[in-house]
Amino acid sequence: MSYILVVDDNEDHLELIRLVLGPSYRSLPVRTCNSGRAALDLLATGRAPRMIFLDVNMPGLDGPATVRLIRASAAGRAVPIVMLSTSDESRDIRDSLAAGANSFVRKPIALSDWGHTMGAVVDYWLLHDASARALADAR
């Protein structure tokens, strides 16, 4: 079964995302990891997520390094990866996209914005994925 993977070393941010997306969103379970290494271990089990939210600044294996390793695997090449960060530094955005991330989203500041932001991003990528699959099936 597919799932949404959220990777962030900040437990408060993980908890906020769990609260706004719930245990599942659009019938997809939401799974969390607190490091890039833990995410890679989960992905190594062979169950590919439908999409990944990945924090940029994490100790050890940071977000861009994690993206590069995910993209190096066959299963990770097509998974939409959305970088999440409190940073809006152009270097963080550039490094994340150069590593292979699909997009970069600044984490909301206001608590009330978390639900709207996370829901909109998931909905966009799930619709994008469904459209790409329909197009591939039509060919």
Protein backbone atom coordinates (compact mmCIF):
# COMPACT_ATOMS: atom_id res chain seq x y z
CA MET A 1 0.00 0.00 0.00
CA SER A 2 1.23 3.48 -0.87
CA TYR A 3 1.75 6.12 1.77
CA ILE A 4 2.87 9.71 2.32
CA LEU A 5 6.30 9.97 3.94
CA VAL A 6 7.24 12.97 6.09
CA VAL A 7 10.88 13.33 7.17
CA ASP A 8 11.81 16.00 9.73
CA ASP A 9 14.14 16.07 12.73
CA ASN A 10 11.88 18.55 14.54
CA GLU A 11 9.33 16.58 16.57
CA ASP A 12 7.07 19.64 16.90
CA HIS A 13 6.85 19.95 13.12
CA LEU A 14 6.20 16.22 12.75
CA GLU A 15 3.41 16.49 15.31
CA LEU A 16 1.86 19.47 13.49
CA ILE A 17 1.92 17.56 10.22
CA ARG A 18 0.40 14.50 11.91
CA LEU A 19 -2.36 16.72 13.30
CA VAL A 20 -3.21 18.43 10.01
CA LEU A 21 -2.95 15.36 7.75
CA GLY A 22 -4.17 12.85 10.31
CA PRO A 23 -3.15 9.19 10.35
CA SER A 24 -4.14 9.09 6.68
CA TYR A 25 -4.86 11.71 4.06
CA ARG A 26 -6.94 10.95 0.96
CA SER A 27 -6.87 7.29 2.05
CA LEU A 28 -3.06 7.24 2.14
CA PRO A 29 -1.39 6.44 5.45
CA VAL A 30 1.00 9.13 6.70
CA ARG A 31 4.33 7.75 7.91
CA THR A 32 7.05 9.78 9.58
CA CYS A 33 10.81 9.53 10.09
CA ASN A 34 13.03 11.83 12.12
CA SER A 35 16.15 11.60 9.93
CA GLY A 36 17.30 11.11 6.38
CA ARG A 37 18.94 7.83 7.36
CA ALA A 38 15.69 6.50 8.87
CA ALA A 39 13.84 7.47 5.68
CA LEU A 40 16.37 5.61 3.52
CA ASP A 41 16.03 2.55 5.78
CA LEU A 42 12.25 2.68 5.36
CA LEU A 43 12.52 3.07 1.59
CA ALA A 44 14.92 0.12 1.47
CA THR A 45 12.07 -2.14 2.58
CA GLY A 46 10.70 -1.79 -0.94
CA ARG A 47 7.44 0.01 -0.19
CA ALA A 48 7.63 3.22 -2.19
CA PRO A 49 5.61 6.23 -1.01
CA ARG A 50 3.32 8.22 -3.29
CA MET A 51 5.13 11.38 -2.18
CA ILE A 52 7.77 12.56 0.28
CA PHE A 53 7.97 15.71 2.41
CA LEU A 54 11.59 16.22 3.40
CA ASP A 55 13.09 18.78 5.76
CA VAL A 56 16.08 20.64 4.33
CA ASN A 57 18.20 21.20 7.43
CA MET A 58 18.70 18.02 9.41
CA PRO A 59 21.77 16.87 11.31
CA GLY A 60 23.79 14.09 9.74
CA LEU A 61 22.24 13.42 6.36
CA ASP A 62 20.60 16.70 5.34
CA GLY A 63 17.67 17.05 2.95
CA PRO A 64 19.56 17.55 -0.34
CA ALA A 65 21.90 14.62 0.42
CA THR A 66 18.88 12.46 1.22
CA VAL A 67 17.21 13.48 -2.05
CA ARG A 68 20.31 12.49 -4.04
CA LEU A 69 20.34 9.05 -2.41
CA ILE A 70 16.61 8.55 -2.97
CA ARG A 71 16.93 9.56 -6.63
CA ALA A 72 19.83 7.10 -7.07
CA SER A 73 17.47 4.19 -6.42
CA ALA A 74 15.13 2.86 -9.10
CA ALA A 75 12.10 3.15 -6.82
CA GLY A 76 12.94 6.74 -5.86
CA ARG A 77 13.31 8.23 -9.32
CA ALA A 78 9.63 9.01 -9.90
CA VAL A 79 8.43 9.80 -6.37
CA PRO A 80 7.52 13.47 -5.93
CA ILE A 81 9.77 14.99 -3.26
CA VAL A 82 8.72 18.27 -1.67
CA MET A 83 11.30 20.02 0.47
CA LEU A 84 10.03 21.73 3.61
CA SER A 85 12.02 24.37 5.42
CA THR A 86 11.80 27.38 7.68
CA SER A 87 14.49 28.85 5.42
CA ASP A 88 13.84 30.89 2.33
CA GLU A 89 17.53 31.22 1.49
CA SER A 90 18.10 30.99 -2.25
CA ARG A 91 21.03 28.61 -1.62
CA ASP A 92 18.76 26.11 0.20
CA ILE A 93 16.21 26.28 -2.60
CA ARG A 94 18.85 25.94 -5.33
CA ASP A 95 20.63 23.04 -3.59
CA SER A 96 17.36 21.19 -2.97
CA LEU A 97 16.18 21.48 -6.57
CA ALA A 98 19.64 20.63 -7.94
CA ALA A 99 19.62 17.47 -5.81
CA GLY A 100 16.41 16.35 -7.50
CA ALA A 101 13.56 17.68 -5.38
CA ASN A 102 10.38 18.53 -7.27
CA SER A 103 9.53 21.61 -5.24
CA PHE A 104 10.42 23.67 -2.19
CA VAL A 105 7.81 24.89 0.29
CA ARG A 106 8.48 27.21 3.19
CA LYS A 107 7.02 25.88 6.44
CA PRO A 108 4.13 28.05 7.58
CA ILE A 109 4.75 30.40 10.47
CA ALA A 110 1.14 30.67 11.66
CA LEU A 111 -0.32 27.52 13.17
CA SER A 112 -3.56 28.11 11.29
CA ASP A 113 -1.72 27.94 7.94
CA TRP A 114 -0.26 24.45 8.41
CA GLY A 115 -3.43 22.57 7.43
CA HIS A 116 -4.10 24.60 4.30
CA THR A 117 -0.48 24.49 3.14
CA MET A 118 0.08 20.78 3.69
CA GLY A 119 -3.29 19.82 2.21
CA ALA A 120 -2.78 21.97 -0.87
CA VAL A 121 0.68 20.55 -1.53
CA VAL A 122 -0.43 16.92 -1.12
CA ASP A 123 -3.49 17.48 -3.29
CA TYR A 124 -1.37 19.10 -6.00
CA TRP A 125 1.14 16.23 -6.15
CA LEU A 126 -1.49 13.50 -5.93
CA LEU A 127 -3.41 15.14 -8.80
CA HIS A 128 -0.17 15.60 -10.74
CA ASP A 129 0.71 11.93 -10.18
CA ALA A 130 -2.77 10.79 -11.24
CA SER A 131 -2.58 12.95 -14.38
CA ALA A 132 0.84 11.55 -15.29
CA ARG A 133 -0.41 7.98 -14.82
CA ALA A 134 -3.48 8.63 -16.97
CA LEU A 135 -1.30 10.13 -19.70
CA ALA A 136 1.09 7.15 -19.58
CA ASP A 137 -1.85 4.73 -19.76
CA ALA A 138 -3.25 6.56 -22.78
CA ARG A 139 -0.01 6.11 -24.73
